Full PDB file with SEQRES, HELIX, SHEET, SSBOND, CRYST1, ORIGX, SCALE, CONECT and MASTER records, all heavy atoms in Angstrom:
SEQRES   1 A   39  GLU MET ARG ALA LEU ILE GLU TYR MET MET GLU HIS VAL          
SEQRES   2 A   39  PRO ASP SER ASP LYS ILE GLU TYR SER VAL HIS CYS HIS          
SEQRES   3 A   39  ASN ASP LEU GLY MET ALA VAL ALA ASN ALA LEU ALA GLY          
HELIX    1 AA1 MET A    2  HIS A   12  1                                  11    
HELIX    2 AA2 SER A   16  LYS A   18  5                                   3    
HELIX    3 AA3 ALA A   32  ALA A   38  1                                   7    
CRYST1    1.000    1.000    1.000  90.00  90.00  90.00 P 1           1          
ORIGX1      1.000000  0.000000  0.000000        0.00000                         
ORIGX2      0.000000  1.000000  0.000000        0.00000                         
ORIGX3      0.000000  0.000000  1.000000        0.00000                         
SCALE1      1.000000  0.000000  0.000000        0.00000                         
SCALE2      0.000000  1.000000  0.000000        0.00000                         
SCALE3      0.000000  0.000000  1.000000        0.00000                         
ATOM      1  N   GLU A   1      24.383 -98.001 -12.492  1.00  0.00           N  
ATOM      2  CA  GLU A   1      25.028 -96.705 -12.676  1.00  0.00           C  
ATOM      3  C   GLU A   1      25.049 -95.894 -11.379  1.00  0.00           C  
ATOM      4  O   GLU A   1      26.045 -95.229 -11.069  1.00  0.00           O  
ATOM      5  CB  GLU A   1      24.308 -95.911 -13.765  1.00  0.00           C  
ATOM      6  CG  GLU A   1      24.494 -96.484 -15.166  1.00  0.00           C  
ATOM      7  CD  GLU A   1      23.628 -95.779 -16.198  1.00  0.00           C  
ATOM      8  OE1 GLU A   1      22.515 -95.335 -15.841  1.00  0.00           O  
ATOM      9  OE2 GLU A   1      24.070 -95.669 -17.355  1.00  0.00           O  
ATOM     10  N   MET A   2      23.955 -95.952 -10.628  1.00  0.00           N  
ATOM     11  CA  MET A   2      23.907 -95.195  -9.372  1.00  0.00           C  
ATOM     12  C   MET A   2      24.928 -95.721  -8.377  1.00  0.00           C  
ATOM     13  O   MET A   2      25.630 -94.943  -7.715  1.00  0.00           O  
ATOM     14  CB  MET A   2      22.493 -95.252  -8.777  1.00  0.00           C  
ATOM     15  CG  MET A   2      22.347 -94.497  -7.451  1.00  0.00           C  
ATOM     16  SD  MET A   2      22.825 -92.752  -7.541  1.00  0.00           S  
ATOM     17  CE  MET A   2      21.320 -92.042  -8.200  1.00  0.00           C  
ATOM     18  N   ARG A   3      25.031 -97.018  -8.274  1.00  0.00           N  
ATOM     19  CA  ARG A   3      26.026 -97.592  -7.369  1.00  0.00           C  
ATOM     20  C   ARG A   3      27.434 -97.199  -7.806  1.00  0.00           C  
ATOM     21  O   ARG A   3      28.267 -96.801  -6.978  1.00  0.00           O  
ATOM     22  CB  ARG A   3      25.892 -99.107  -7.321  1.00  0.00           C  
ATOM     23  CG  ARG A   3      26.943 -99.768  -6.438  1.00  0.00           C  
ATOM     24  CD  ARG A   3      26.660-101.231  -6.216  1.00  0.00           C  
ATOM     25  NE  ARG A   3      27.646-101.811  -5.308  1.00  0.00           N  
ATOM     26  CZ  ARG A   3      27.529-102.986  -4.717  1.00  0.00           C  
ATOM     27  NH1 ARG A   3      26.433-103.727  -4.919  1.00  0.00           N  
ATOM     28  NH2 ARG A   3      28.463-103.439  -3.894  1.00  0.00           N  
ATOM     29  N   ALA A   4      27.694 -97.275  -9.107  1.00  0.00           N  
ATOM     30  CA  ALA A   4      29.023 -96.939  -9.627  1.00  0.00           C  
ATOM     31  C   ALA A   4      29.350 -95.468  -9.386  1.00  0.00           C  
ATOM     32  O   ALA A   4      30.506 -95.118  -9.101  1.00  0.00           O  
ATOM     33  CB  ALA A   4      29.093 -97.265 -11.120  1.00  0.00           C  
ATOM     34  N   LEU A   5      28.354 -94.594  -9.496  1.00  0.00           N  
ATOM     35  CA  LEU A   5      28.576 -93.163  -9.277  1.00  0.00           C  
ATOM     36  C   LEU A   5      29.010 -92.891  -7.839  1.00  0.00           C  
ATOM     37  O   LEU A   5      29.978 -92.146  -7.597  1.00  0.00           O  
ATOM     38  CB  LEU A   5      27.298 -92.384  -9.601  1.00  0.00           C  
ATOM     39  CG  LEU A   5      27.312 -90.883  -9.272  1.00  0.00           C  
ATOM     40  CD1 LEU A   5      28.444 -90.170 -10.004  1.00  0.00           C  
ATOM     41  CD2 LEU A   5      25.964 -90.254  -9.617  1.00  0.00           C  
ATOM     42  N   ILE A   6      28.308 -93.488  -6.882  1.00  0.00           N  
ATOM     43  CA  ILE A   6      28.676 -93.289  -5.475  1.00  0.00           C  
ATOM     44  C   ILE A   6      30.078 -93.842  -5.212  1.00  0.00           C  
ATOM     45  O   ILE A   6      30.911 -93.196  -4.543  1.00  0.00           O  
ATOM     46  CB  ILE A   6      27.656 -93.961  -4.543  1.00  0.00           C  
ATOM     47  CG1 ILE A   6      26.253 -93.357  -4.728  1.00  0.00           C  
ATOM     48  CG2 ILE A   6      28.099 -93.844  -3.085  1.00  0.00           C  
ATOM     49  CD1 ILE A   6      26.132 -91.917  -4.318  1.00  0.00           C  
ATOM     50  N   GLU A   7      30.358 -95.020  -5.733  1.00  0.00           N  
ATOM     51  CA  GLU A   7      31.682 -95.628  -5.539  1.00  0.00           C  
ATOM     52  C   GLU A   7      32.768 -94.758  -6.157  1.00  0.00           C  
ATOM     53  O   GLU A   7      33.861 -94.604  -5.577  1.00  0.00           O  
ATOM     54  CB  GLU A   7      31.695 -97.031  -6.136  1.00  0.00           C  
ATOM     55  CG  GLU A   7      30.844 -98.015  -5.355  1.00  0.00           C  
ATOM     56  CD  GLU A   7      30.737 -99.378  -6.024  1.00  0.00           C  
ATOM     57  OE1 GLU A   7      30.952 -99.458  -7.258  1.00  0.00           O  
ATOM     58  OE2 GLU A   7      30.432-100.363  -5.329  1.00  0.00           O  
ATOM     59  N   TYR A   8      32.503 -94.193  -7.327  1.00  0.00           N  
ATOM     60  CA  TYR A   8      33.487 -93.333  -7.998  1.00  0.00           C  
ATOM     61  C   TYR A   8      33.809 -92.110  -7.138  1.00  0.00           C  
ATOM     62  O   TYR A   8      34.981 -91.747  -6.954  1.00  0.00           O  
ATOM     63  CB  TYR A   8      32.936 -92.905  -9.361  1.00  0.00           C  
ATOM     64  CG  TYR A   8      33.803 -91.904 -10.090  1.00  0.00           C  
ATOM     65  CD1 TYR A   8      34.849 -92.319 -10.920  1.00  0.00           C  
ATOM     66  CD2 TYR A   8      33.583 -90.521  -9.945  1.00  0.00           C  
ATOM     67  CE1 TYR A   8      35.645 -91.392 -11.587  1.00  0.00           C  
ATOM     68  CE2 TYR A   8      34.382 -89.597 -10.607  1.00  0.00           C  
ATOM     69  CZ  TYR A   8      35.408 -90.034 -11.419  1.00  0.00           C  
ATOM     70  OH  TYR A   8      36.203 -89.136 -12.068  1.00  0.00           O  
ATOM     71  N   MET A   9      32.768 -91.461  -6.626  1.00  0.00           N  
ATOM     72  CA  MET A   9      32.988 -90.261  -5.814  1.00  0.00           C  
ATOM     73  C   MET A   9      33.748 -90.590  -4.529  1.00  0.00           C  
ATOM     74  O   MET A   9      34.655 -89.858  -4.121  1.00  0.00           O  
ATOM     75  CB  MET A   9      31.638 -89.597  -5.483  1.00  0.00           C  
ATOM     76  CG  MET A   9      30.974 -88.959  -6.677  1.00  0.00           C  
ATOM     77  SD  MET A   9      31.947 -87.591  -7.353  1.00  0.00           S  
ATOM     78  CE  MET A   9      31.138 -87.376  -8.942  1.00  0.00           C  
ATOM     79  N   MET A  10      33.383 -91.683  -3.899  1.00  0.00           N  
ATOM     80  CA  MET A  10      34.056 -92.045  -2.652  1.00  0.00           C  
ATOM     81  C   MET A  10      35.526 -92.365  -2.888  1.00  0.00           C  
ATOM     82  O   MET A  10      36.372 -92.125  -2.032  1.00  0.00           O  
ATOM     83  CB  MET A  10      33.344 -93.235  -2.016  1.00  0.00           C  
ATOM     84  CG  MET A  10      31.946 -92.896  -1.505  1.00  0.00           C  
ATOM     85  SD  MET A  10      31.165 -94.248  -0.611  1.00  0.00           S  
ATOM     86  CE  MET A  10      32.189 -94.320   0.863  1.00  0.00           C  
ATOM     87  N   GLU A  11      35.829 -92.886  -4.063  1.00  0.00           N  
ATOM     88  CA  GLU A  11      37.213 -93.250  -4.372  1.00  0.00           C  
ATOM     89  C   GLU A  11      38.047 -92.051  -4.813  1.00  0.00           C  
ATOM     90  O   GLU A  11      39.233 -91.947  -4.489  1.00  0.00           O  
ATOM     91  CB  GLU A  11      37.226 -94.314  -5.472  1.00  0.00           C  
ATOM     92  CG  GLU A  11      38.629 -94.768  -5.863  1.00  0.00           C  
ATOM     93  CD  GLU A  11      38.641 -95.807  -6.966  1.00  0.00           C  
ATOM     94  OE1 GLU A  11      37.546 -96.305  -7.341  1.00  0.00           O  
ATOM     95  OE2 GLU A  11      39.741 -96.125  -7.472  1.00  0.00           O  
ATOM     96  N   HIS A  12      37.440 -91.107  -5.540  1.00  0.00           N  
ATOM     97  CA  HIS A  12      38.214 -90.055  -6.184  1.00  0.00           C  
ATOM     98  C   HIS A  12      38.158 -88.694  -5.491  1.00  0.00           C  
ATOM     99  O   HIS A  12      38.980 -87.828  -5.781  1.00  0.00           O  
ATOM    100  CB  HIS A  12      37.770 -89.895  -7.644  1.00  0.00           C  
ATOM    101  CG  HIS A  12      38.128 -91.046  -8.511  1.00  0.00           C  
ATOM    102  ND1 HIS A  12      37.302 -92.144  -8.684  1.00  0.00           N  
ATOM    103  CD2 HIS A  12      39.239 -91.299  -9.263  1.00  0.00           C  
ATOM    104  CE1 HIS A  12      37.873 -93.011  -9.507  1.00  0.00           C  
ATOM    105  NE2 HIS A  12      39.051 -92.530  -9.860  1.00  0.00           N  
ATOM    106  N   VAL A  13      37.191 -88.474  -4.609  1.00  0.00           N  
ATOM    107  CA  VAL A  13      37.082 -87.175  -3.943  1.00  0.00           C  
ATOM    108  C   VAL A  13      37.776 -87.246  -2.586  1.00  0.00           C  
ATOM    109  O   VAL A  13      37.418 -88.076  -1.741  1.00  0.00           O  
ATOM    110  CB  VAL A  13      35.602 -86.768  -3.751  1.00  0.00           C  
ATOM    111  CG1 VAL A  13      35.510 -85.464  -2.956  1.00  0.00           C  
ATOM    112  CG2 VAL A  13      34.916 -86.614  -5.098  1.00  0.00           C  
ATOM    113  N   PRO A  14      38.764 -86.389  -2.340  1.00  0.00           N  
ATOM    114  CA  PRO A  14      39.446 -86.388  -1.037  1.00  0.00           C  
ATOM    115  C   PRO A  14      38.459 -86.092   0.095  1.00  0.00           C  
ATOM    116  O   PRO A  14      37.465 -85.385  -0.089  1.00  0.00           O  
ATOM    117  CB  PRO A  14      40.469 -85.251  -1.183  1.00  0.00           C  
ATOM    118  CG  PRO A  14      40.648 -85.074  -2.658  1.00  0.00           C  
ATOM    119  CD  PRO A  14      39.336 -85.403  -3.280  1.00  0.00           C  
ATOM    120  N   ASP A  15      38.700 -86.645   1.248  1.00  0.00           N  
ATOM    121  CA  ASP A  15      37.885 -86.425   2.447  1.00  0.00           C  
ATOM    122  C   ASP A  15      36.472 -86.981   2.339  1.00  0.00           C  
ATOM    123  O   ASP A  15      35.575 -86.600   3.105  1.00  0.00           O  
ATOM    124  CB  ASP A  15      37.815 -84.932   2.800  1.00  0.00           C  
ATOM    125  CG  ASP A  15      39.169 -84.373   3.206  1.00  0.00           C  
ATOM    126  OD1 ASP A  15      39.968 -85.126   3.797  1.00  0.00           O  
ATOM    127  OD2 ASP A  15      39.425 -83.188   2.930  1.00  0.00           O  
ATOM    128  N   SER A  16      36.246 -87.906   1.396  1.00  0.00           N  
ATOM    129  CA  SER A  16      34.925 -88.517   1.283  1.00  0.00           C  
ATOM    130  C   SER A  16      34.552 -89.287   2.540  1.00  0.00           C  
ATOM    131  O   SER A  16      33.363 -89.456   2.853  1.00  0.00           O  
ATOM    132  CB  SER A  16      34.867 -89.459   0.070  1.00  0.00           C  
ATOM    133  OG  SER A  16      34.730 -88.736  -1.119  1.00  0.00           O  
ATOM    134  N   ASP A  17      35.575 -89.753   3.255  1.00  0.00           N  
ATOM    135  CA  ASP A  17      35.305 -90.515   4.479  1.00  0.00           C  
ATOM    136  C   ASP A  17      34.848 -89.611   5.629  1.00  0.00           C  
ATOM    137  O   ASP A  17      34.366 -90.099   6.653  1.00  0.00           O  
ATOM    138  CB  ASP A  17      36.554 -91.287   4.895  1.00  0.00           C  
ATOM    139  CG  ASP A  17      37.749 -90.370   5.144  1.00  0.00           C  
ATOM    140  OD1 ASP A  17      37.876 -89.340   4.444  1.00  0.00           O  
ATOM    141  OD2 ASP A  17      38.562 -90.681   6.034  1.00  0.00           O  
ATOM    142  N   LYS A  18      34.940 -88.296   5.441  1.00  0.00           N  
ATOM    143  CA  LYS A  18      34.571 -87.361   6.496  1.00  0.00           C  
ATOM    144  C   LYS A  18      33.165 -86.787   6.320  1.00  0.00           C  
ATOM    145  O   LYS A  18      32.692 -86.026   7.167  1.00  0.00           O  
ATOM    146  CB  LYS A  18      35.591 -86.212   6.564  1.00  0.00           C  
ATOM    147  CG  LYS A  18      37.005 -86.687   6.915  1.00  0.00           C  
ATOM    148  CD  LYS A  18      37.984 -85.535   6.913  1.00  0.00           C  
ATOM    149  CE  LYS A  18      39.403 -86.040   7.206  1.00  0.00           C  
ATOM    150  NZ  LYS A  18      40.396 -84.929   7.137  1.00  0.00           N  
ATOM    151  N   ILE A  19      32.522 -87.143   5.191  1.00  0.00           N  
ATOM    152  CA  ILE A  19      31.164 -86.643   4.939  1.00  0.00           C  
ATOM    153  C   ILE A  19      30.248 -87.824   4.628  1.00  0.00           C  
ATOM    154  O   ILE A  19      30.699 -88.971   4.574  1.00  0.00           O  
ATOM    155  CB  ILE A  19      31.153 -85.617   3.779  1.00  0.00           C  
ATOM    156  CG1 ILE A  19      31.740 -86.237   2.499  1.00  0.00           C  
ATOM    157  CG2 ILE A  19      31.940 -84.382   4.170  1.00  0.00           C  
ATOM    158  CD1 ILE A  19      30.734 -86.741   1.522  1.00  0.00           C  
ATOM    159  N   GLU A  20      28.960 -87.535   4.440  1.00  0.00           N  
ATOM    160  CA  GLU A  20      28.004 -88.576   4.068  1.00  0.00           C  
ATOM    161  C   GLU A  20      27.486 -88.305   2.666  1.00  0.00           C  
ATOM    162  O   GLU A  20      27.162 -87.161   2.330  1.00  0.00           O  
ATOM    163  CB  GLU A  20      26.823 -88.597   5.054  1.00  0.00           C  
ATOM    164  CG  GLU A  20      27.223 -88.976   6.463  1.00  0.00           C  
ATOM    165  CD  GLU A  20      26.045 -88.877   7.436  1.00  0.00           C  
ATOM    166  OE1 GLU A  20      24.988 -88.336   7.036  1.00  0.00           O  
ATOM    167  OE2 GLU A  20      26.198 -89.339   8.583  1.00  0.00           O  
ATOM    168  N   TYR A  21      27.411 -89.360   1.868  1.00  0.00           N  
ATOM    169  CA  TYR A  21      26.794 -89.244   0.549  1.00  0.00           C  
ATOM    170  C   TYR A  21      25.316 -89.605   0.655  1.00  0.00           C  
ATOM    171  O   TYR A  21      24.920 -90.469   1.443  1.00  0.00           O  
ATOM    172  CB  TYR A  21      27.490 -90.144  -0.467  1.00  0.00           C  
ATOM    173  CG  TYR A  21      28.795 -89.555  -0.975  1.00  0.00           C  
ATOM    174  CD1 TYR A  21      30.012 -89.938  -0.415  1.00  0.00           C  
ATOM    175  CD2 TYR A  21      28.797 -88.602  -1.983  1.00  0.00           C  
ATOM    176  CE1 TYR A  21      31.208 -89.390  -0.858  1.00  0.00           C  
ATOM    177  CE2 TYR A  21      29.995 -88.042  -2.428  1.00  0.00           C  
ATOM    178  CZ  TYR A  21      31.192 -88.442  -1.859  1.00  0.00           C  
ATOM    179  OH  TYR A  21      32.371 -87.895  -2.297  1.00  0.00           O  
ATOM    180  N   SER A  22      24.518 -88.917  -0.160  1.00  0.00           N  
ATOM    181  CA  SER A  22      23.077 -89.107  -0.145  1.00  0.00           C  
ATOM    182  C   SER A  22      22.574 -89.335  -1.568  1.00  0.00           C  
ATOM    183  O   SER A  22      23.205 -88.887  -2.540  1.00  0.00           O  
ATOM    184  CB  SER A  22      22.398 -87.856   0.451  1.00  0.00           C  
ATOM    185  OG  SER A  22      20.996 -87.973   0.438  1.00  0.00           O  
ATOM    186  N   VAL A  23      21.434 -90.021  -1.690  1.00  0.00           N  
ATOM    187  CA  VAL A  23      20.821 -90.232  -3.009  1.00  0.00           C  
ATOM    188  C   VAL A  23      19.373 -89.760  -2.973  1.00  0.00           C  
ATOM    189  O   VAL A  23      18.644 -89.993  -2.006  1.00  0.00           O  
ATOM    190  CB  VAL A  23      20.884 -91.714  -3.443  1.00  0.00           C  
ATOM    191  CG1 VAL A  23      22.284 -92.081  -3.886  1.00  0.00           C  
ATOM    192  CG2 VAL A  23      20.425 -92.649  -2.333  1.00  0.00           C  
ATOM    193  N   HIS A  24      18.985 -89.085  -4.031  1.00  0.00           N  
ATOM    194  CA  HIS A  24      17.625 -88.544  -4.171  1.00  0.00           C  
ATOM    195  C   HIS A  24      17.154 -88.950  -5.560  1.00  0.00           C  
ATOM    196  O   HIS A  24      17.561 -88.360  -6.560  1.00  0.00           O  
ATOM    197  CB  HIS A  24      17.662 -87.021  -4.015  1.00  0.00           C  
ATOM    198  CG  HIS A  24      16.342 -86.337  -4.196  1.00  0.00           C  
ATOM    199  ND1 HIS A  24      15.783 -85.548  -3.221  1.00  0.00           N  
ATOM    200  CD2 HIS A  24      15.475 -86.308  -5.233  1.00  0.00           C  
ATOM    201  CE1 HIS A  24      14.630 -85.063  -3.653  1.00  0.00           C  
ATOM    202  NE2 HIS A  24      14.422 -85.512  -4.889  1.00  0.00           N  
ATOM    203  N   CYS A  25      16.289 -89.956  -5.629  1.00  0.00           N  
ATOM    204  CA  CYS A  25      15.932 -90.537  -6.921  1.00  0.00           C  
ATOM    205  C   CYS A  25      14.478 -90.304  -7.280  1.00  0.00           C  
ATOM    206  O   CYS A  25      13.582 -90.477  -6.446  1.00  0.00           O  
ATOM    207  CB  CYS A  25      16.220 -92.044  -6.916  1.00  0.00           C  
ATOM    208  SG  CYS A  25      17.952 -92.427  -6.575  1.00  0.00           S  
ATOM    209  N   HIS A  26      14.243 -89.942  -8.534  1.00  0.00           N  
ATOM    210  CA  HIS A  26      12.890 -89.786  -9.048  1.00  0.00           C  
ATOM    211  C   HIS A  26      12.471 -91.040  -9.809  1.00  0.00           C  
ATOM    212  O   HIS A  26      13.315 -91.830 -10.245  1.00  0.00           O  
ATOM    213  CB  HIS A  26      12.790 -88.533  -9.913  1.00  0.00           C  
ATOM    214  CG  HIS A  26      12.638 -87.285  -9.096  1.00  0.00           C  
ATOM    215  ND1 HIS A  26      11.441 -86.661  -8.910  1.00  0.00           N  
ATOM    216  CD2 HIS A  26      13.562 -86.580  -8.380  1.00  0.00           C  
ATOM    217  CE1 HIS A  26      11.611 -85.602  -8.123  1.00  0.00           C  
ATOM    218  NE2 HIS A  26      12.890 -85.527  -7.789  1.00  0.00           N  
ATOM    219  N   ASN A  27      11.168 -91.188  -9.986  1.00  0.00           N  
ATOM    220  CA  ASN A  27      10.608 -92.470 -10.412  1.00  0.00           C  
ATOM    221  C   ASN A  27      10.097 -92.469 -11.850  1.00  0.00           C  
ATOM    222  O   ASN A  27       9.225 -93.261 -12.207  1.00  0.00           O  
ATOM    223  CB  ASN A  27       9.457 -92.861  -9.474  1.00  0.00           C  
ATOM    224  CG  ASN A  27       9.221 -94.352  -9.441  1.00  0.00           C  
ATOM    225  OD1 ASN A  27      10.166 -95.137  -9.466  1.00  0.00           O  
ATOM    226  ND2 ASN A  27       7.963 -94.754  -9.371  1.00  0.00           N  
ATOM    227  N   ASP A  28      10.647 -91.620 -12.705  1.00  0.00           N  
ATOM    228  CA  ASP A  28      10.140 -91.477 -14.070  1.00  0.00           C  
ATOM    229  C   ASP A  28      10.156 -92.789 -14.850  1.00  0.00           C  
ATOM    230  O   ASP A  28       9.288 -93.013 -15.693  1.00  0.00           O  
ATOM    231  CB  ASP A  28      10.954 -90.416 -14.807  1.00  0.00           C  
ATOM    232  CG  ASP A  28      10.818 -89.053 -14.152  1.00  0.00           C  
ATOM    233  OD1 ASP A  28      11.353 -88.881 -13.041  1.00  0.00           O  
ATOM    234  OD2 ASP A  28      10.162 -88.170 -14.727  1.00  0.00           O  
ATOM    235  N   LEU A  29      11.128 -93.643 -14.601  1.00  0.00           N  
ATOM    236  CA  LEU A  29      11.198 -94.949 -15.273  1.00  0.00           C  
ATOM    237  C   LEU A  29      10.889 -96.096 -14.306  1.00  0.00           C  
ATOM    238  O   LEU A  29      11.180 -97.255 -14.600  1.00  0.00           O  
ATOM    239  CB  LEU A  29      12.577 -95.152 -15.907  1.00  0.00           C  
ATOM    240  CG  LEU A  29      12.908 -94.187 -17.056  1.00  0.00           C  
ATOM    241  CD1 LEU A  29      14.339 -94.400 -17.544  1.00  0.00           C  
ATOM    242  CD2 LEU A  29      11.919 -94.346 -18.205  1.00  0.00           C  
ATOM    243  N   GLY A  30      10.316 -95.752 -13.137  1.00  0.00           N  
ATOM    244  CA  GLY A  30       9.903 -96.781 -12.190  1.00  0.00           C  
ATOM    245  C   GLY A  30      11.039 -97.425 -11.422  1.00  0.00           C  
ATOM    246  O   GLY A  30      10.871 -98.516 -10.879  1.00  0.00           O  
ATOM    247  N   MET A  31      12.195 -96.757 -11.340  1.00  0.00           N  
ATOM    248  CA  MET A  31      13.354 -97.363 -10.687  1.00  0.00           C  
ATOM    249  C   MET A  31      13.861 -96.578  -9.488  1.00  0.00           C  
ATOM    250  O   MET A  31      14.981 -96.791  -9.022  1.00  0.00           O  
ATOM    251  CB  MET A  31      14.490 -97.542 -11.703  1.00  0.00           C  
ATOM    252  CG  MET A  31      14.186 -98.577 -12.770  1.00  0.00           C  
ATOM    253  SD  MET A  31      15.612 -98.971 -13.817  1.00  0.00           S  
ATOM    254  CE  MET A  31      15.676 -97.507 -14.848  1.00  0.00           C  
ATOM    255  N   ALA A  32      13.054 -95.670  -8.947  1.00  0.00           N  
ATOM    256  CA  ALA A  32      13.532 -94.803  -7.863  1.00  0.00           C  
ATOM    257  C   ALA A  32      13.997 -95.597  -6.653  1.00  0.00           C  
ATOM    258  O   ALA A  32      15.082 -95.347  -6.110  1.00  0.00           O  
ATOM    259  CB  ALA A  32      12.448 -93.809  -7.465  1.00  0.00           C  
ATOM    260  N   VAL A  33      13.186 -96.551  -6.193  1.00  0.00           N  
ATOM    261  CA  VAL A  33      13.560 -97.326  -5.010  1.00  0.00           C  
ATOM    262  C   VAL A  33      14.795 -98.171  -5.305  1.00  0.00           C  
ATOM    263  O   VAL A  33      15.735 -98.223  -4.497  1.00  0.00           O  
ATOM    264  CB  VAL A  33      12.388 -98.216  -4.546  1.00  0.00           C  
ATOM    265  CG1 VAL A  33      12.838 -99.159  -3.429  1.00  0.00           C  
ATOM    266  CG2 VAL A  33      11.229 -97.356  -4.064  1.00  0.00           C  
ATOM    267  N   ALA A  34      14.817 -98.834  -6.456  1.00  0.00           N  
ATOM    268  CA  ALA A  34      15.963 -99.676  -6.817  1.00  0.00           C  
ATOM    269  C   ALA A  34      17.234 -98.841  -6.914  1.00  0.00           C  
ATOM    270  O   ALA A  34      18.306 -99.254  -6.445  1.00  0.00           O  
ATOM    271  CB  ALA A  34      15.692-100.393  -8.142  1.00  0.00           C  
ATOM    272  N   ASN A  35      17.137 -97.656  -7.507  1.00  0.00           N  
ATOM    273  CA  ASN A  35      18.315 -96.796  -7.641  1.00  0.00           C  
ATOM    274  C   ASN A  35      18.809 -96.306  -6.276  1.00  0.00           C  
ATOM    275  O   ASN A  35      20.021 -96.251  -6.026  1.00  0.00           O  
ATOM    276  CB  ASN A  35      17.991 -95.598  -8.533  1.00  0.00           C  
ATOM    277  CG  ASN A  35      17.876 -95.966  -9.999  1.00  0.00           C  
ATOM    278  OD1 ASN A  35      18.465 -96.952 -10.447  1.00  0.00           O  
ATOM    279  ND2 ASN A  35      17.111 -95.199 -10.753  1.00  0.00           N  
ATOM    280  N   ALA A  36      17.875 -95.945  -5.395  1.00  0.00           N  
ATOM    281  CA  ALA A  36      18.266 -95.474  -4.065  1.00  0.00           C  
ATOM    282  C   ALA A  36      18.973 -96.583  -3.283  1.00  0.00           C  
ATOM    283  O   ALA A  36      20.007 -96.344  -2.630  1.00  0.00           O  
ATOM    284  CB  ALA A  36      17.045 -94.976  -3.301  1.00  0.00           C  
ATOM    285  N   LEU A  37      18.438 -97.784  -3.345  1.00  0.00           N  
ATOM    286  CA  LEU A  37      19.050 -98.907  -2.626  1.00  0.00           C  
ATOM    287  C   LEU A  37      20.413 -99.260  -3.214  1.00  0.00           C  
ATOM    288  O   LEU A  37      21.337 -99.636  -2.488  1.00  0.00           O  
ATOM    289  CB  LEU A  37      18.122-100.117  -2.665  1.00  0.00           C  
ATOM    290  CG  LEU A  37      16.795 -99.947  -1.908  1.00  0.00           C  
ATOM    291  CD1 LEU A  37      15.891-101.145  -2.128  1.00  0.00           C  
ATOM    292  CD2 LEU A  37      17.036 -99.730  -0.416  1.00  0.00           C  
ATOM    293  N   ALA A  38      20.537 -99.124  -4.526  1.00  0.00           N  
ATOM    294  CA  ALA A  38      21.845 -99.369  -5.157  1.00  0.00           C  
ATOM    295  C   ALA A  38      22.862 -98.329  -4.692  1.00  0.00           C  
ATOM    296  O   ALA A  38      24.039 -98.643  -4.483  1.00  0.00           O  
ATOM    297  CB  ALA A  38      21.703 -99.339  -6.677  1.00  0.00           C  
ATOM    298  N   GLY A  39      22.402 -97.088  -4.515  1.00  0.00           N  
ATOM    299  CA  GLY A  39      23.292 -96.054  -4.004  1.00  0.00           C  
ATOM    300  C   GLY A  39      23.787 -96.390  -2.610  1.00  0.00           C  
ATOM    301  O   GLY A  39      24.963 -96.176  -2.284  1.00  0.00           O  
TER     302      GLY A  39                                                      
MASTER        0    0    0    3    0    0    0    6  301    1    0    3          
END                                                                             
């Protein structure tokens, strides 16, 4: 889901190529590192 979210924004938001996307993940379900890397 995290990877798909970043891909969706980059595809649908104008000027996405002119900025940087960032991910900030919490570890409540033990997936923070995996989610960040997927982003």
